[in-house]
Protein backbone atom coordinates (compact mmCIF):
# COMPACT_ATOMS: atom_id res chain seq x y z
CA MET A 1 15.98 47.86 33.94
CA GLY A 2 18.82 47.39 36.73
CA VAL A 3 22.23 46.48 36.49
CA GLN A 4 23.17 45.36 32.72
CA CYS A 5 24.27 41.45 32.56
CA LEU A 6 23.81 40.73 36.00
CA THR A 7 20.85 38.33 35.21
CA THR A 8 22.68 36.36 32.69
CA LEU A 9 25.93 35.82 35.42
CA ILE A 10 23.76 34.64 37.85
CA GLU A 11 21.58 32.18 35.31
CA THR A 12 25.09 31.03 34.51
CA ASN A 13 25.85 30.45 38.11
CA PRO A 14 23.07 28.22 39.13
CA LYS A 15 24.61 27.25 42.60
CA ILE A 16 23.22 30.84 43.81
CA TYR A 17 19.83 29.59 43.62
CA ARG A 18 17.65 27.49 45.73
CA ASP A 19 14.54 25.31 44.72
CA VAL A 20 11.46 26.20 46.53
CA GLN A 21 7.88 25.14 47.34
CA PHE A 22 6.14 28.58 47.02
CA ARG A 23 3.20 28.81 49.54
CA LYS A 24 1.04 29.86 52.43
CA SER A 25 3.15 33.26 52.01
CA ARG A 26 2.57 36.97 51.67
CA LEU A 27 4.11 38.14 47.86
CA VAL A 28 5.05 41.50 47.12
CA ILE A 29 4.83 41.55 43.15
CA ASP A 30 6.90 44.40 40.79
CA GLY A 31 3.67 45.16 38.95
CA CYS A 32 5.25 46.81 35.87
CA ASN A 33 7.67 44.37 35.45
CA PHE A 34 5.69 41.15 36.24
CA LEU A 35 2.71 42.78 33.34
CA TYR A 36 5.60 43.10 30.84
CA LEU A 37 6.84 39.59 30.93
CA LEU A 38 3.52 38.22 31.86
CA TYR A 39 1.97 39.61 28.38
CA PHE A 40 4.71 38.90 26.33
CA ASP A 41 5.61 35.52 27.38
CA SER A 42 1.68 34.06 26.91
CA GLY A 43 2.65 34.83 23.00
CA LEU A 44 -0.92 37.01 22.65
CA ASP A 45 -0.62 39.70 19.86
CA TRP A 46 1.37 42.88 20.40
CA ILE A 47 1.52 44.51 16.64
CA HIS A 48 -2.40 44.73 16.36
CA CYS A 49 -3.29 46.57 19.04
CA GLY A 50 -3.31 43.38 21.56
CA GLU A 51 -5.69 40.82 22.85
CA TYR A 52 -7.52 41.85 25.79
CA ALA A 53 -10.08 39.79 26.69
CA ALA A 54 -7.07 36.91 26.70
CA PHE A 55 -4.94 38.90 28.38
CA GLU A 56 -7.62 39.37 31.44
CA GLU A 57 -7.96 34.97 31.49
CA LEU A 58 -4.11 35.22 31.90
CA ILE A 59 -4.17 37.29 35.02
CA GLU A 60 -7.39 35.24 36.54
CA ARG A 61 -5.39 32.13 36.14
CA PHE A 62 -2.23 33.61 37.84
CA VAL A 63 -4.33 35.15 40.27
CA LYS A 64 -6.41 31.84 41.01
CA ALA A 65 -2.80 29.96 41.23
CA LEU A 66 -1.79 31.97 44.15
CA LYS A 67 -4.65 31.64 46.10
CA ASP A 68 -5.00 28.11 45.66
CA CYS A 69 -1.64 27.85 47.06
CA GLY A 70 -2.26 30.01 50.12
CA ILE A 71 -0.44 32.84 48.64
CA SER A 72 -1.28 36.45 49.24
CA PRO A 73 -0.60 38.83 46.49
CA TYR A 74 0.42 42.94 46.92
CA VAL A 75 0.69 44.23 43.76
CA LEU A 76 2.75 47.49 43.57
CA LEU A 77 3.37 49.67 40.34
CA ASP A 78 5.60 52.61 39.13
CA GLY A 79 4.00 56.18 39.43
CA GLY A 80 5.15 59.56 38.30
CA THR A 81 8.40 60.86 37.30
CA ASP A 82 11.41 61.18 40.07
CA LEU A 83 11.28 65.08 41.17
CA THR A 84 14.86 64.60 40.94
CA ALA A 85 15.41 63.88 37.74
CA LYS A 86 17.94 61.45 38.33
CA LYS A 87 16.97 58.75 35.59
CA ASP A 88 15.87 61.30 32.92
CA ASP A 89 18.92 60.49 30.75
CA THR A 90 18.18 56.45 31.30
CA ILE A 91 14.47 57.37 30.80
CA ARG A 92 14.92 59.24 27.07
CA LEU A 93 17.09 56.15 25.95
CA ARG A 94 14.53 53.86 26.67
CA LYS A 95 11.63 56.29 24.88
CA MET A 96 13.97 56.82 21.73
CA ASP A 97 14.17 53.06 21.84
CA ARG A 98 10.75 52.21 21.49
CA ILE A 99 10.08 54.79 19.14
CA LYS A 100 12.54 52.81 16.91
CA LYS A 101 10.80 49.43 17.70
CA ALA A 102 7.73 51.14 17.42
CA HIS A 103 8.24 51.79 13.38
CA GLN A 104 10.01 48.38 13.15
CA ALA A 105 7.07 46.26 13.84
CA VAL A 106 4.94 48.00 11.53
CA GLU A 107 7.67 47.64 8.82
CA GLY A 108 7.96 44.16 9.68
CA THR A 109 3.77 43.66 9.36
CA ARG A 110 3.97 45.47 5.81
CA GLN A 111 6.80 43.36 4.19
CA ALA A 112 5.08 40.02 5.84
CA VAL A 113 1.82 40.91 4.14
CA ASN A 114 4.16 41.54 0.74
CA GLY A 115 5.84 38.35 1.10
CA ILE A 116 9.19 39.67 1.77
CA GLN A 117 9.64 38.63 5.36
CA LYS A 118 7.74 36.73 8.61
CA VAL A 119 6.78 38.94 11.25
CA HIS A 120 8.48 37.46 14.41
CA GLN A 121 5.27 37.65 16.65
CA ASP A 122 7.03 35.17 19.23
CA THR A 123 10.40 36.63 19.89
CA GLN A 124 10.81 38.88 22.96
CA GLU A 125 13.33 41.59 21.35
CA GLY A 126 12.08 45.18 19.99
CA LYS A 127 8.45 44.28 21.44
CA VAL A 128 5.67 47.37 22.56
CA LEU A 129 3.43 46.66 25.16
CA PRO A 130 -0.13 47.26 24.05
CA GLN A 131 -1.62 50.56 24.79
CA MET A 132 -4.58 49.24 27.07
CA ALA A 133 -2.76 46.48 28.71
CA SER A 134 -1.68 48.24 31.57
CA LEU A 135 -5.63 49.33 32.39
CA VAL A 136 -6.71 45.50 31.75
CA PHE A 137 -4.11 44.50 34.22
CA ARG A 138 -5.28 47.29 36.86
CA GLN A 139 -8.88 46.68 36.19
CA THR A 140 -8.56 43.12 36.40
CA LEU A 141 -6.52 43.19 39.56
CA ALA A 142 -9.21 45.46 41.29
CA ARG A 143 -12.56 43.54 40.04
CA LEU A 144 -10.18 40.23 41.60
CA GLU A 145 -9.76 42.06 45.12
CA VAL A 146 -5.99 42.07 44.52
CA PRO A 147 -4.55 44.41 46.81
CA MET A 148 -2.75 47.17 44.35
CA ALA A 149 -0.74 50.03 45.04
CA GLN A 150 0.67 52.71 42.72
CA CYS A 151 3.93 54.49 43.80
CA TYR A 152 3.93 58.12 43.83
CA ALA A 153 7.52 57.45 42.13
CA GLU A 154 9.38 54.67 41.01
CA ALA A 155 7.98 51.13 42.80
CA ASP A 156 11.42 49.16 43.74
CA GLN A 157 12.23 51.00 46.88
CA GLU A 158 8.28 50.49 47.88
CA ILE A 159 8.60 46.82 46.87
CA THR A 160 11.89 46.32 48.40
CA ALA A 161 10.89 48.28 51.64
CA LEU A 162 7.43 46.56 52.23
CA ALA A 163 8.82 42.93 51.19
CA LYS A 164 11.75 43.44 53.90
CA GLU A 165 9.35 44.61 56.58
CA TRP A 166 7.18 41.39 56.22
CA LYS A 167 9.83 39.45 55.67
CA CYS A 168 8.10 38.40 52.39
CA PRO A 169 9.48 37.46 49.09
CA VAL A 170 9.66 39.83 46.01
CA LEU A 171 8.58 38.51 42.57
CA SER A 172 9.98 40.34 39.91
CA ASN A 173 13.17 40.18 36.99
CA ASP A 174 14.57 43.40 37.75
CA SER A 175 18.01 42.75 38.62
CA ASP A 176 18.19 45.56 40.74
CA PHE A 177 16.55 43.15 43.59
CA PHE A 178 19.62 41.27 43.33
CA ILE A 179 21.58 44.08 44.72
CA PHE A 180 18.90 44.75 47.63
CA ASP A 181 18.94 43.41 50.72
CA LEU A 182 15.69 41.29 50.98
CA PRO A 183 15.28 38.97 53.93
CA GLY A 184 12.26 36.77 52.35
CA GLY A 185 14.35 36.37 49.03
CA LEU A 186 13.91 37.08 45.31
CA LEU A 187 11.49 34.71 43.17
CA PRO A 188 12.71 35.76 39.41
CA ILE A 189 9.48 35.55 37.56
CA SER A 190 11.08 33.46 34.89
CA HIS A 191 11.77 30.58 37.65
CA PHE A 192 8.40 31.03 38.99
CA HIS A 193 6.09 28.21 37.41
CA TRP A 194 2.84 29.23 38.46
CA GLU A 195 1.19 26.92 35.56
CA ALA A 196 2.77 24.17 36.89
CA VAL A 197 1.16 23.77 40.51
CA GLY A 198 2.03 20.99 42.36
CA SER A 199 1.15 19.37 45.61
CA ILE A 200 1.77 17.78 48.58
CA GLY A 201 -1.15 15.89 50.35
CA SER A 202 -3.73 18.77 50.46
CA GLN A 203 -1.50 21.04 50.30
CA SER A 204 -0.61 22.99 46.94
CA TYR A 205 2.54 25.01 46.00
CA ILE A 206 4.08 26.92 42.98
CA PRO A 207 7.61 25.19 42.32
CA SER A 208 10.25 28.24 42.08
CA LYS A 209 14.15 29.04 42.19
CA ILE A 210 14.69 31.86 45.09
CA TYR A 211 17.70 34.40 45.58
CA TYR A 212 19.40 35.63 48.49
CA SER A 213 22.16 37.84 48.47
CA SER A 214 23.86 36.32 50.95
CA SER A 215 24.14 33.27 48.54
CA PHE A 216 25.72 35.83 45.82
CA CYS A 217 28.08 36.95 48.10
CA ILE A 218 29.42 33.23 49.24
CA VAL A 219 29.54 32.53 45.44
CA PHE A 220 32.13 35.25 44.65
CA GLU A 221 33.44 36.24 47.93
CA ILE A 222 33.09 39.71 48.42
CA GLU A 223 31.22 41.32 51.59
CA ARG A 224 27.73 42.31 51.65
CA GLN A 225 28.05 45.79 52.30
CA LEU A 226 29.93 45.80 48.83
CA LEU A 227 27.01 44.95 46.72
CA PRO A 228 25.12 48.57 46.06
CA ALA A 229 28.95 49.72 44.96
CA PHE A 230 29.33 46.82 42.96
CA ALA A 231 26.04 47.71 41.40
CA ALA A 232 27.34 51.16 40.99
CA LEU A 233 30.83 50.58 39.45
CA ALA A 234 28.89 47.99 36.90
CA GLY A 235 26.56 50.69 35.82
CA ASN A 236 22.84 50.81 37.03
CA ASP A 237 20.20 52.79 35.61
CA TYR A 238 21.77 56.11 37.83
CA VAL A 239 25.23 56.04 36.82
CA LYS A 240 27.11 54.62 33.95
CA LEU A 241 30.94 55.54 33.69
CA GLN A 242 31.17 55.06 29.59
CA ARG A 243 28.38 58.24 30.18
CA LEU A 244 31.47 60.28 31.88
CA ASN A 245 33.66 58.85 29.24
CA ALA A 246 35.04 56.79 32.39
CA PHE A 247 36.40 53.18 30.95
CA ILE A 248 37.56 50.62 33.38
CA ARG A 249 38.41 47.01 31.74
CA TRP A 250 37.25 45.02 34.77
CA ALA A 251 37.75 41.95 32.66
CA GLN A 252 41.36 42.31 33.32
CA PHE A 253 40.90 41.11 37.15
CA ALA A 254 39.52 38.10 36.27
CA PRO A 255 41.04 34.67 34.61
CA ALA A 256 40.33 33.07 31.36
CA VAL A 257 38.14 29.84 31.82
CA ASN A 258 38.27 27.17 29.32
CA GLY A 259 40.33 29.55 27.09
CA LYS A 260 37.28 31.75 27.15
CA SER A 261 37.47 35.25 27.28
CA PRO A 262 36.51 36.26 31.22
CA GLN A 263 33.17 38.40 31.82
CA ARG A 264 33.06 42.07 32.69
CA LEU A 265 31.02 41.79 35.88
CA LYS A 266 33.11 38.56 37.14
CA GLY A 267 36.11 40.59 36.19
CA LEU A 268 34.83 43.45 38.92
CA LEU A 269 33.62 41.17 41.58
CA CYS A 270 37.11 39.85 41.46
CA TRP A 271 38.74 42.98 41.86
CA LEU A 272 35.96 43.89 44.64
CA LYS A 273 37.55 41.22 46.99
CA ASN A 274 40.10 43.14 48.07
CA PHE A 275 37.96 45.59 49.68
CA LYS A 276 35.47 45.75 52.71
CA GLN A 277 33.47 48.82 52.35
CA PRO A 278 32.17 50.89 49.52
CA GLU A 279 34.16 54.44 49.72
CA GLU A 280 37.94 52.73 49.67
CA ALA A 281 36.73 50.73 46.76
CA PHE A 282 35.18 53.83 44.87
CA LYS A 283 38.75 55.78 45.75
CA ALA A 284 40.77 53.03 44.24
CA ALA A 285 38.16 52.58 41.10
CA LEU A 286 39.47 56.69 40.85
CA GLY A 287 42.82 55.61 40.64
CA LEU A 288 42.58 53.21 37.36
CA LEU A 289 41.42 56.36 35.74
CA GLU A 290 44.57 58.24 36.10
CA GLU A 291 43.96 60.24 32.62
CA LEU A 292 40.52 61.78 34.14
CA SER A 293 41.22 65.39 35.64
CA GLU A 294 40.28 66.09 39.51
CA GLU A 295 36.76 67.59 38.03
CA LYS A 296 35.85 64.58 36.26
CA LYS A 297 37.23 62.28 39.07
CA ALA A 298 34.64 64.69 41.38
CA GLU A 299 31.69 64.39 39.25
CA LEU A 300 31.94 60.58 38.69
CA MET A 301 32.32 59.91 42.95
CA GLU A 302 29.46 61.97 43.00
CA GLY A 303 27.58 59.74 40.48
CA LEU A 304 28.98 56.47 42.03
CA ASN A 305 27.30 57.68 45.51
CA LEU A 306 23.82 58.57 43.98
CA GLY A 307 23.78 55.19 42.06
CA MET A 308 24.58 53.59 45.28
CA GLU A 309 22.01 55.42 47.40
CA GLU A 310 19.22 53.95 45.81
CA TYR A 311 19.67 50.66 47.41
CA GLN A 312 19.47 52.33 51.03
CA LEU A 313 15.97 51.94 51.98
CA PRO A 314 13.58 54.41 54.16
CA PRO A 315 11.00 52.52 56.28
CA SER A 316 7.90 51.00 54.02
CA SER A 317 5.17 53.74 53.53
CA LEU A 318 2.68 51.26 52.17
CA LYS A 319 1.96 48.89 54.98
CA ARG A 320 -0.22 51.35 56.85
CA PHE A 321 -2.10 51.75 53.11
CA PHE A 322 -2.30 48.26 52.91
CA ILE A 323 -3.29 47.30 56.44
CA HIS A 324 -5.95 51.04 56.61
CA GLY A 325 -6.61 52.17 53.39
CA VAL A 326 -4.61 55.50 53.93
CA ALA A 327 -2.54 56.93 51.37
CA PRO A 328 0.86 58.34 52.10
CA PRO A 329 1.87 62.14 52.79
CA TYR A 330 2.99 63.68 49.67
CA PRO A 331 3.75 67.33 50.76
CA GLU A 332 4.44 68.53 47.37
CA VAL A 333 0.72 67.46 46.09
CA GLU A 334 -0.89 68.85 49.03
CA LYS A 335 1.01 72.27 48.83
CA GLU A 336 -1.33 72.46 45.20
CA MET A 337 -4.65 72.17 47.22
CA ALA A 338 -5.07 68.70 45.51
CA GLY A 339 -4.38 66.25 48.46
CA TRP A 340 -7.76 64.23 47.45
CA VAL A 341 -6.28 62.67 44.70
CA LEU A 342 -3.46 61.13 46.42
CA LEU A 343 -5.96 58.15 47.65
CA PRO A 344 -7.33 57.49 43.96
CA LEU A 345 -3.57 57.52 42.94
CA MET A 346 -2.47 55.10 45.33
CA ARG A 347 -5.74 52.66 44.40
CA ALA A 348 -4.22 53.03 40.74
CA ARG A 349 -7.94 54.68 39.94
CA LEU A 350 -5.70 58.19 38.48
CA ASN A 351 -3.00 58.02 36.20
CA SER A 352 0.38 58.73 37.23
CA ASP A 353 0.50 61.37 34.60
CA VAL A 354 -1.57 63.14 37.13
CA LEU A 355 1.45 63.82 39.54
CA ASP A 356 3.45 64.66 36.51
CA VAL A 357 1.40 67.17 35.21
CA LEU A 358 1.02 68.89 38.71
CA LEU A 359 3.85 68.79 39.86
CA LEU A 360 6.39 69.01 36.48
CA ASN A 361 4.03 70.70 33.78
CA ARG A 362 4.91 67.57 32.07
CA ASN A 363 3.60 65.01 30.23
CA SER A 364 5.58 61.96 28.76
CA LEU A 365 3.49 60.01 26.19
CA SER A 366 3.71 56.70 25.42
CA CYS A 367 4.62 55.06 21.89
CA PRO A 368 2.42 53.11 20.45
CA VAL A 369 3.10 50.79 17.23
CA GLY A 370 3.30 52.83 13.98
CA ARG A 371 5.05 54.44 11.37
CA ALA A 372 7.43 57.25 12.51
CA ASP A 373 6.88 58.86 9.41
CA PHE A 374 3.50 59.30 10.40
CA PRO A 375 2.28 62.11 12.62
CA SER A 376 2.03 60.96 16.42
CA ALA A 377 -1.23 59.85 17.05
CA HIS A 378 -1.08 61.66 20.41
CA LEU A 379 -1.97 64.64 18.23
CA THR A 380 -5.67 63.60 17.67
CA SER A 381 -6.43 63.65 21.49
CA ARG A 382 -4.21 66.24 22.33
CA PRO A 383 -7.74 68.50 22.59
CA ILE A 384 -8.78 66.23 25.62
CA ARG A 385 -5.65 66.46 27.12
CA GLN A 386 -5.83 70.29 27.43
CA VAL A 387 -8.62 69.84 29.13
CA MET A 388 -7.38 67.80 31.58
CA TYR A 389 -4.06 70.21 31.95
CA ARG A 390 -6.97 72.59 32.53
CA LEU A 391 -8.73 71.01 35.13
CA LEU A 392 -5.36 70.24 37.09
CA LEU A 393 -3.85 73.68 36.53
CA GLY A 394 -6.34 76.40 36.01
CA LYS A 395 -5.99 79.08 33.65
CA GLY A 396 -2.94 81.17 32.73
CA LYS A 397 -1.46 83.27 30.34
CA LYS A 398 1.90 81.97 30.55
CA LEU A 399 0.89 78.55 31.63
CA ARG A 400 2.37 75.61 29.48
CA VAL A 401 2.64 71.66 29.66
CA CYS A 402 5.56 69.97 28.33
CA GLU A 403 4.51 67.06 25.90
CA ASN A 404 7.39 64.79 25.44
CA ASP A 405 6.60 63.11 22.09
CA ARG A 406 7.91 62.15 18.78
CA GLU A 407 8.22 63.94 15.45
CA GLY A 408 9.32 61.31 13.25
CA PHE A 409 11.86 59.15 14.52
CA GLU A 410 13.03 62.18 17.18
CA LEU A 411 11.90 62.51 20.61
CA LYS A 412 11.01 66.45 21.02
CA SER A 413 8.97 68.64 23.90
CA PHE A 414 6.21 70.18 22.57
CA PRO A 415 4.60 73.33 24.92
CA VAL A 416 0.84 72.83 24.81
CA LYS A 417 -1.57 75.59 26.05
CA PRO A 418 -4.53 74.48 29.11
CA ALA A 419 -7.76 74.79 27.26
CA ALA A 420 -9.07 78.36 27.15
CA SER A 421 -12.70 77.03 26.88
CA GLY A 422 -15.17 74.60 27.66
CA VAL A 423 -14.44 74.16 31.20
CA PRO A 424 -16.70 75.89 33.85
CA LYS A 425 -14.60 78.29 35.82
CA GLU A 426 -15.82 77.76 38.85
CA LEU A 427 -14.32 74.07 38.57
CA GLU A 428 -11.01 74.25 40.82
CA LEU A 429 -8.65 71.41 41.19
CA LYS A 430 -9.04 71.67 45.29
CA SER A 431 -12.86 70.29 44.89
CA LEU A 432 -12.99 68.32 41.69
CA ASN A 433 -13.86 65.44 43.27
CA GLN A 434 -17.31 67.03 44.70
CA VAL A 435 -18.58 68.12 41.49
CA GLU A 436 -22.09 66.92 40.52
CA PRO A 437 -21.90 63.98 37.75
CA SER A 438 -24.35 65.92 35.11
CA VAL A 439 -21.57 68.88 35.14
CA ARG A 440 -18.59 66.11 34.64
CA LEU A 441 -21.01 64.92 31.70
CA GLN A 442 -21.29 68.31 30.03
CA VAL A 443 -17.37 68.83 30.59
CA LEU A 444 -16.30 65.60 28.79
CA LEU A 445 -18.85 66.07 25.72
CA GLU A 446 -18.38 69.29 25.12
CA THR A 447 -14.63 68.28 24.96
CA LEU A 448 -15.23 65.77 22.47
CA GLY A 449 -17.85 68.13 20.60
CA MET A 450 -20.77 66.20 21.00
CA PRO A 451 -24.37 66.84 22.44
CA GLU A 452 -25.96 64.70 24.55
CA ALA A 453 -29.04 64.98 22.69
CA SER A 454 -27.40 62.95 19.73
CA LEU A 455 -26.50 60.21 22.02
CA GLU A 456 -30.15 59.93 23.78
CA GLU A 457 -31.06 56.92 21.35
CA LEU A 458 -28.25 55.03 22.10
CA GLN A 459 -28.10 52.36 24.87
CA PRO A 460 -26.10 53.83 28.09
CA HIS A 461 -23.08 51.81 27.41
CA LEU A 462 -22.55 52.78 23.68
CA ARG A 463 -23.00 56.44 24.35
CA LEU A 464 -19.16 57.56 25.59
CA LEU A 465 -17.98 54.56 23.13
CA VAL A 466 -19.88 56.67 19.93
CA ALA A 467 -18.96 60.48 21.42
CA VAL A 468 -15.02 58.94 21.21
CA THR A 469 -15.40 57.71 17.86
CA CYS A 470 -16.72 60.51 15.98
CA PHE A 471 -14.13 62.60 17.59
CA TRP A 472 -11.57 60.09 15.94
CA LEU A 473 -13.19 60.40 12.84
CA GLN A 474 -13.21 64.21 12.52
CA ARG A 475 -9.58 64.97 13.75
CA ALA A 476 -7.33 61.39 13.08
CA GLU A 477 -4.67 62.63 10.37
CA PRO A 478 -3.96 60.49 7.96
CA LYS A 479 -7.99 60.71 8.23
CA PRO A 480 -9.36 56.61 8.85
CA ASP A 481 -10.58 54.83 5.64
CA GLU A 482 -13.71 52.82 5.68
CA THR A 483 -12.15 49.46 6.47
CA LEU A 484 -11.00 50.42 9.88
CA LEU A 485 -14.29 51.97 10.53
CA LYS A 486 -15.61 48.81 9.79
CA ALA A 487 -13.25 46.73 11.90
CA LEU A 488 -14.21 49.36 14.93
CA LEU A 489 -17.80 48.66 14.27
CA LEU A 490 -17.35 44.69 14.62
CA GLY A 491 -15.46 45.06 17.51
CA ILE A 492 -17.89 47.12 19.17
CA SER A 493 -20.72 44.36 18.30
CA HIS A 494 -18.13 41.71 19.22
CA GLY A 495 -18.03 43.87 22.99
CA ASP A 496 -21.73 43.39 23.53
CA SER A 497 -20.41 39.51 24.18
CA LEU A 498 -17.86 40.05 26.17
CA ARG A 499 -19.76 42.63 28.31
CA GLN A 500 -22.24 39.27 28.99
CA ARG A 501 -19.38 37.25 29.93
CA ALA A 502 -18.25 40.29 32.50
CA GLY A 503 -21.80 40.04 33.67
CA ILE A 504 -21.72 36.19 34.60
CA LYS A 505 -18.62 36.72 36.35
């Protein structure tokens, strides 16, 4: 999410950008940010579960545009939760917001059906990414052989470190990248016109604007080393002065222009012109808060330093992965005798929830579009997750996984026991990757409550789909009605044509 209002400030000062005809270069892509913007900017449906075939085609067109221009993409995705819990407050607030948006989407649809109001499908505000969009994104990139890595935690630092080592640009709309020192610059997604490929002779290029932090510092006349301090004082995902009851009216330090009130960030930048180093700026900021106790000031200084540290980069750990296919070490996982999971995690073949369960005994569930006055959709699949917890954590009387899910409009934590039965005793995490396929199938079908013999008459590609559908029909609350089942069967029949299309590719 980055620094609030920073993108708006930069957009109102276009001199900061330079025009570029981008071609023949590596490009490090902020995968989660790009996924969200690509889906919603396309106008695809998000209220009725998503349009995945159309989204797949869109990803294909994007990758083709890059290759036509000699651009080599490297896509980095966010992984598990930060073990330090530095962003827990921010994550919780975002999830509460998604619960409200998911409910509002349903209510808007119901009112549209009743002729009360129109659903604003084409607006960005209040949108919820469809549940399978991320999976479609990852699978399509893998099929197209686009290099991709799912980081162990948030990807921002890894994106920046890799781009800095390769001296190539980053593609993202996350305003944190305006703060990082990127020698190859930042290509904002909103100015990266990949659907309007141009050419000079035989050379194709993508018209774009590029940002360099040095240009920002020249325009606003501040020292480059003050940018992380600027982000911390402005408020980023790690520190917000308001949460510590520390209010500084930064706008007072900027002159009004054309009778308009000065912007908060402009005021902060004007104030920062007086300093050379972050430490002196922080001390001066605390001096503006005379009403705070010394204890509060010490807490605030700690928060400011924490917010600034996020822009200090370690060496890239992903260069070796992309060149040699070797996953970076992760001692915390290796202590759990689960070193084998690192490579499939890094390749995005395993969901990052595995890390949260393994290291934190926690699983933060998503917020699909749905009515908040109904039970959470995740309750239906809880028995399946309990088997996953048993496979990852083993069996123990006091063992629990805290599932963060909604209850009504509230976000709550529910302790969930790993499955007590249905998993052979000999299955242990350290050797799960070596288990015979027949044993894996047995565990899966027992979890779904479906005897293998009842599926034998079906075509192989329909067996899992039918087993999951039966599980859903038996366990969903409220019970699915006949209309939903007919819609599902229609989707299954349509799926055959999609499979034929995929086979042609």
